Amino acid sequence: MMSRLFAAFAACLFLVVPVAVQAQPQTAPAPAFASDRIIVETRGSGPDVVFIPGLGSTGAAWRSTADRLDDRYRVHLVTLRGFGGTDIQGNATGGLAGPAAAEIERYIRQQGLVRPALIGHSLGGQIALRVAADMGDGVSRVMVVDSSPFFPSLVDSRATSAQVEPLARLGYQALLLFGDQALKSQAATLGVDMGLAGDMVFQGLGLQGGDRRVLAQGLYEALTVDLRPRLSQITAPVTVVYGWTRDPENPRNRLEGLYRYGFQGLRQPPRFERIEGAGHQVMIEQPGPFLSAVRRFLS
């Protein structure tokens, strides 16, 4: 069971954005903010919305959504250093998600953001939950996109960090050795049957990837860190958006119950929005329905 659990979520975490979204449009320069952990691009004006991408993605993952919001909102596109060819700097050592959350909190305070909304995908959703737990009423609302406070619970609600850790460490070591192709080309060597999750990876349209050190650390943390004990510290309302299918044979057909179980520690029940026809990359695969969900979330 643990091998299947590891494969499913390692693969999902690496379904990162298509190369096509990497184009660099003209954006308004962000106010001066120096960090060796994150990069932030700012555009538009209005209420603040902070977008946090998933493992191996940059702020480019959100540009299609941001393009349709920056006439009414000031959007802040976060990139974790080391992803997508950016200079790794401080992320070369130590943890990843915790320091990134701390830097986002510092950015919010230093730049004078007033109770921003947070939107995070995958690992970025976990970072958004950390920020919301730390800042309390300093955050107005949180959207997590195909993310969970403990990813392995989406495969087995009884899973624990201790059970997953040996396989997460195997993935960590494989990424350090082989880079961001490890979970595809080395799957057989690792003795992991990736099944449907592997098929999803192989059908990807291209990877932004990144420095293997930060990818390995991010994968390890996403598979082992359990944020469920911190959910009670979140005071902002939470919306959970995820890809869904009508096919009863597809694991995504059964995700809602597992999501409800995973988020039951929140002070107030979250709102769930399923996007039919989407997989892990909801905002890329179903941009129209996803944008509608974001607008409902922000309204």
Protein backbone atom coordinates (compact mmCIF):
# COMPACT_ATOMS: atom_id res chain seq x y z
CA MET A 1 0.00 0.00 0.00
CA MET A 2 2.78 2.43 0.88
CA SER A 3 4.48 1.97 -2.50
CA ARG A 4 1.24 2.83 -4.28
CA LEU A 5 0.68 5.75 -1.92
CA PHE A 6 4.15 7.15 -2.59
CA ALA A 7 3.85 6.70 -6.34
CA ALA A 8 0.44 8.32 -6.60
CA PHE A 9 1.35 11.47 -4.76
CA ALA A 10 4.90 11.81 -5.95
CA ALA A 11 3.54 11.68 -9.48
CA CYS A 12 0.71 14.11 -8.81
CA LEU A 13 3.10 16.57 -7.22
CA PHE A 14 5.22 16.51 -10.37
CA LEU A 15 2.37 17.28 -12.75
CA VAL A 16 3.71 20.76 -13.11
CA VAL A 17 2.82 23.47 -15.54
CA PRO A 18 3.12 23.31 -19.32
CA VAL A 19 6.09 25.04 -20.89
CA ALA A 20 3.69 27.31 -22.75
CA VAL A 21 2.91 29.28 -19.61
CA GLN A 22 6.54 30.24 -19.08
CA ALA A 23 6.34 33.29 -21.37
CA GLN A 24 7.26 36.43 -19.47
CA PRO A 25 4.64 39.15 -20.08
CA GLN A 26 5.25 42.72 -19.00
CA THR A 27 4.32 43.09 -15.36
CA ALA A 28 4.37 45.96 -12.92
CA PRO A 29 7.49 45.78 -10.75
CA ALA A 30 6.86 44.74 -7.18
CA PRO A 31 7.81 47.09 -4.36
CA ALA A 32 11.36 46.51 -3.14
CA PHE A 33 11.50 43.16 -1.38
CA ALA A 34 14.64 41.09 -1.05
CA SER A 35 14.49 37.41 -0.14
CA ASP A 36 16.79 34.45 -0.66
CA ARG A 37 13.78 32.12 -0.45
CA ILE A 38 11.05 33.56 -2.67
CA ILE A 39 10.51 35.90 -5.63
CA VAL A 40 7.29 37.92 -5.92
CA GLU A 41 5.85 39.62 -8.99
CA THR A 42 3.08 42.18 -8.42
CA ARG A 43 0.55 43.54 -10.87
CA GLY A 44 -2.81 45.30 -10.89
CA SER A 45 -4.51 47.28 -8.15
CA GLY A 46 -7.22 46.60 -5.63
CA PRO A 47 -7.64 44.03 -2.85
CA ASP A 48 -4.57 41.83 -2.44
CA VAL A 49 -4.48 38.22 -3.66
CA VAL A 50 -1.34 36.10 -3.12
CA PHE A 51 -0.84 33.12 -5.46
CA ILE A 52 1.51 30.30 -4.39
CA PRO A 53 2.44 27.61 -6.95
CA GLY A 54 3.07 23.93 -6.41
CA LEU A 55 6.18 21.77 -6.52
CA GLY A 56 8.39 22.61 -9.47
CA SER A 57 6.15 25.45 -10.66
CA THR A 58 6.80 29.18 -10.74
CA GLY A 59 4.44 32.12 -10.60
CA ALA A 60 3.87 31.48 -14.33
CA ALA A 61 1.40 28.77 -13.28
CA TRP A 62 -1.03 31.51 -12.26
CA ARG A 63 -0.55 34.05 -15.04
CA SER A 64 -3.60 32.99 -17.04
CA THR A 65 -5.74 33.50 -13.94
CA ALA A 66 -3.95 36.71 -12.95
CA ASP A 67 -4.50 38.17 -16.43
CA ARG A 68 -8.24 38.04 -15.76
CA LEU A 69 -8.08 39.46 -12.26
CA ASP A 70 -5.55 42.29 -12.30
CA ASP A 71 -8.13 44.84 -13.45
CA ARG A 72 -9.86 44.47 -10.07
CA TYR A 73 -7.23 43.03 -7.73
CA ARG A 74 -3.57 43.47 -6.90
CA VAL A 75 -2.11 40.03 -7.53
CA HIS A 76 1.15 38.78 -6.07
CA LEU A 77 2.70 35.82 -7.92
CA VAL A 78 5.11 33.92 -5.68
CA THR A 79 7.94 31.71 -6.93
CA LEU A 80 10.01 29.56 -4.59
CA ARG A 81 13.68 29.96 -5.44
CA GLY A 82 15.11 26.94 -7.21
CA PHE A 83 11.95 26.20 -9.21
CA GLY A 84 11.81 26.73 -12.96
CA GLY A 85 15.42 27.78 -13.44
CA THR A 86 15.45 30.48 -10.75
CA ASP A 87 18.54 30.84 -8.56
CA ILE A 88 18.19 28.52 -5.56
CA GLN A 89 19.99 30.81 -3.04
CA GLY A 90 18.75 30.13 0.51
CA ASN A 91 16.68 27.11 -0.51
CA ALA A 92 19.88 25.14 -1.12
CA THR A 93 19.84 24.02 2.51
CA GLY A 94 17.31 23.43 5.24
CA GLY A 95 13.56 23.20 4.93
CA LEU A 96 11.47 24.58 2.08
CA ALA A 97 7.79 25.11 2.87
CA GLY A 98 8.28 26.47 6.38
CA PRO A 99 10.85 29.12 5.41
CA ALA A 100 8.81 30.00 2.31
CA ALA A 101 5.73 30.56 4.47
CA ALA A 102 7.74 32.74 6.84
CA GLU A 103 9.00 34.85 3.93
CA ILE A 104 5.49 35.24 2.51
CA GLU A 105 4.37 36.43 5.94
CA ARG A 106 7.26 38.90 6.02
CA TYR A 107 6.32 40.07 2.52
CA ILE A 108 2.71 40.63 3.60
CA ARG A 109 3.79 42.68 6.60
CA GLN A 110 6.60 44.61 4.91
CA GLN A 111 4.56 45.53 1.84
CA GLY A 112 1.53 46.53 3.89
CA LEU A 113 -0.92 44.03 2.39
CA VAL A 114 -4.29 44.35 4.11
CA ARG A 115 -5.74 40.94 4.97
CA PRO A 116 -4.86 39.36 1.61
CA ALA A 117 -6.58 36.33 0.14
CA LEU A 118 -4.29 33.33 -0.33
CA ILE A 119 -4.55 30.86 -3.22
CA GLY A 120 -2.14 27.91 -3.25
CA HIS A 121 -1.83 24.86 -5.48
CA SER A 122 -0.56 21.48 -4.24
CA LEU A 123 2.56 22.17 -2.11
CA GLY A 124 1.61 25.84 -2.41
CA GLY A 125 -1.73 25.00 -0.79
CA GLN A 126 0.12 23.60 2.20
CA ILE A 127 2.19 26.78 2.36
CA ALA A 128 -1.01 28.84 2.26
CA LEU A 129 -2.36 26.83 5.19
CA ARG A 130 0.84 27.52 7.14
CA VAL A 131 0.57 31.25 6.48
CA ALA A 132 -3.09 31.30 7.49
CA ALA A 133 -2.37 29.39 10.70
CA ASP A 134 0.47 31.78 11.59
CA MET A 135 -1.28 35.05 10.69
CA GLY A 136 -4.81 34.40 11.95
CA ASP A 137 -7.02 37.39 11.17
CA GLY A 138 -4.22 38.88 9.07
CA VAL A 139 -5.53 36.72 6.20
CA SER A 140 -9.04 37.23 4.81
CA ARG A 141 -9.60 33.84 3.13
CA VAL A 142 -7.74 30.81 1.80
CA MET A 143 -8.18 28.67 -1.31
CA VAL A 144 -6.26 25.42 -1.62
CA VAL A 145 -6.22 23.86 -5.09
CA ASP A 146 -5.86 20.08 -5.28
CA SER A 147 -4.03 20.16 -1.98
CA SER A 148 -4.34 18.58 1.43
CA PRO A 149 -2.96 19.23 4.92
CA PHE A 150 -1.52 15.69 4.66
CA PHE A 151 -1.28 14.32 1.12
CA PRO A 152 -1.00 10.61 1.99
CA SER A 153 -4.41 10.75 3.68
CA LEU A 154 -5.95 11.13 0.22
CA VAL A 155 -4.82 7.60 -0.56
CA ASP A 156 -5.35 6.08 2.88
CA SER A 157 -7.00 8.01 5.71
CA ARG A 158 -5.06 5.87 8.20
CA ALA A 159 -1.64 6.75 6.78
CA THR A 160 0.92 8.34 9.08
CA SER A 161 4.09 10.33 8.48
CA ALA A 162 6.13 7.51 10.00
CA GLN A 163 4.72 5.01 7.50
CA VAL A 164 5.41 7.25 4.52
CA GLU A 165 8.85 8.51 5.56
CA PRO A 166 10.96 5.60 4.22
CA LEU A 167 9.45 5.90 0.74
CA ALA A 168 9.58 9.70 0.86
CA ARG A 169 13.28 9.44 1.67
CA LEU A 170 13.72 7.06 -1.27
CA GLY A 171 12.13 9.66 -3.53
CA TYR A 172 14.33 12.36 -2.02
CA GLN A 173 17.48 10.37 -2.74
CA ALA A 174 16.32 9.46 -6.25
CA LEU A 175 15.72 13.10 -7.11
CA LEU A 176 19.12 14.13 -5.81
CA LEU A 177 20.71 11.42 -7.94
CA PHE A 178 18.66 11.65 -11.13
CA GLY A 179 17.03 15.09 -11.06
CA ASP A 180 13.43 15.84 -12.00
CA GLN A 181 13.23 12.87 -14.40
CA ALA A 182 13.68 10.38 -11.55
CA LEU A 183 10.05 9.49 -11.04
CA LYS A 184 9.59 8.75 -14.74
CA SER A 185 12.75 7.15 -16.08
CA GLN A 186 13.77 5.49 -12.82
CA ALA A 187 10.36 4.17 -11.72
CA ALA A 188 11.23 0.58 -12.59
CA THR A 189 14.60 0.83 -10.85
CA LEU A 190 12.88 2.10 -7.73
CA GLY A 191 10.48 -0.83 -7.82
CA VAL A 192 7.46 1.47 -7.83
CA ASP A 193 4.42 0.75 -10.00
CA MET A 194 3.10 4.24 -10.72
CA GLY A 195 -0.10 3.03 -12.37
CA LEU A 196 -2.56 5.77 -13.30
CA ALA A 197 -0.42 8.40 -11.60
CA GLY A 198 2.48 7.42 -13.85
CA ASP A 199 0.28 7.68 -16.93
CA MET A 200 -0.69 11.18 -15.87
CA VAL A 201 2.96 12.18 -15.56
CA PHE A 202 3.88 10.77 -18.96
CA GLN A 203 1.03 12.71 -20.58
CA GLY A 204 2.36 15.98 -19.13
CA LEU A 205 2.98 18.80 -21.59
CA GLY A 206 6.40 19.71 -20.22
CA LEU A 207 8.03 20.51 -16.91
CA GLN A 208 9.38 23.70 -15.42
CA GLY A 209 11.21 21.50 -12.93
CA GLY A 210 14.04 23.10 -11.05
CA ASP A 211 17.14 22.50 -8.97
CA ARG A 212 17.14 18.88 -7.82
CA ARG A 213 17.95 19.88 -4.24
CA VAL A 214 14.83 21.99 -3.83
CA LEU A 215 12.65 19.53 -5.75
CA ALA A 216 13.81 16.68 -3.51
CA GLN A 217 13.21 18.66 -0.33
CA GLY A 218 9.79 19.80 -1.52
CA LEU A 219 8.72 16.28 -2.42
CA TYR A 220 9.92 14.94 0.93
CA GLU A 221 8.04 17.61 2.88
CA ALA A 222 4.84 17.29 0.86
CA LEU A 223 4.73 13.57 1.58
CA THR A 224 5.68 13.65 5.26
CA VAL A 225 4.52 16.92 6.82
CA ASP A 226 1.11 16.63 8.50
CA LEU A 227 -0.54 20.03 8.96
CA ARG A 228 -3.83 18.69 10.32
CA PRO A 229 -2.93 19.59 13.93
CA ARG A 230 -2.57 23.24 12.84
CA LEU A 231 -5.95 23.55 11.13
CA SER A 232 -7.64 24.72 14.33
CA GLN A 233 -5.37 27.80 14.30
CA ILE A 234 -6.83 28.99 10.98
CA THR A 235 -9.54 31.62 11.47
CA ALA A 236 -10.04 32.55 7.81
CA PRO A 237 -12.65 30.70 5.73
CA VAL A 238 -11.16 27.97 3.53
CA THR A 239 -12.24 26.84 0.06
CA VAL A 240 -10.97 23.52 -1.32
CA VAL A 241 -10.93 23.21 -5.12
CA TYR A 242 -10.07 19.89 -6.75
CA GLY A 243 -10.29 18.03 -10.04
CA TRP A 244 -13.12 15.52 -10.36
CA THR A 245 -14.54 13.00 -12.82
CA ARG A 246 -17.87 11.20 -13.19
CA ASP A 247 -16.03 7.97 -13.95
CA PRO A 248 -16.59 5.72 -10.90
CA GLU A 249 -13.44 3.76 -11.76
CA ASN A 250 -11.24 6.84 -11.52
CA PRO A 251 -9.77 7.56 -8.05
CA ARG A 252 -10.72 11.23 -8.44
CA ASN A 253 -14.38 10.25 -8.32
CA ARG A 254 -13.94 9.40 -4.64
CA LEU A 255 -11.80 12.31 -3.48
CA GLU A 256 -14.43 14.48 -1.81
CA GLY A 257 -14.95 12.23 1.19
CA LEU A 258 -11.20 12.05 1.77
CA TYR A 259 -10.88 15.82 1.48
CA ARG A 260 -13.69 16.30 3.99
CA TYR A 261 -11.95 13.95 6.38
CA GLY A 262 -8.62 15.71 5.95
CA PHE A 263 -9.96 19.20 6.61
CA GLN A 264 -12.32 18.35 9.47
CA GLY A 265 -10.01 20.05 11.99
CA LEU A 266 -10.86 23.54 10.71
CA ARG A 267 -12.83 25.82 13.01
CA GLN A 268 -15.48 26.29 10.35
CA PRO A 269 -16.31 23.74 7.65
CA PRO A 270 -14.59 24.53 4.36
CA ARG A 271 -16.37 25.08 1.08
CA PHE A 272 -15.67 22.39 -1.52
CA GLU A 273 -15.64 23.11 -5.24
CA ARG A 274 -15.03 20.23 -7.63
CA ILE A 275 -14.00 21.01 -11.19
CA GLU A 276 -15.19 18.31 -13.55
CA GLY A 277 -12.71 17.18 -16.17
CA ALA A 278 -9.66 18.45 -14.32
CA GLY A 279 -6.80 16.50 -12.83
CA HIS A 280 -4.11 17.85 -10.54
CA GLN A 281 -3.41 20.98 -12.63
CA VAL A 282 -6.93 22.36 -12.23
CA MET A 283 -6.15 25.92 -13.32
CA ILE A 284 -4.38 24.72 -16.47
CA GLU A 285 -6.75 21.92 -17.47
CA GLN A 286 -10.04 23.72 -16.84
CA PRO A 287 -9.20 27.45 -16.78
CA GLY A 288 -12.76 28.69 -17.31
CA PRO A 289 -14.46 26.79 -14.48
CA PHE A 290 -11.45 27.43 -12.26
CA LEU A 291 -11.61 31.19 -12.88
CA SER A 292 -15.32 31.11 -12.01
CA ALA A 293 -14.47 29.34 -8.74
CA VAL A 294 -11.82 31.96 -7.95
CA ARG A 295 -14.26 34.80 -8.61
CA ARG A 296 -16.83 33.21 -6.30
CA PHE A 297 -14.12 32.79 -3.69
CA LEU A 298 -13.07 36.46 -3.90
CA SER A 299 -16.57 37.94 -4.10
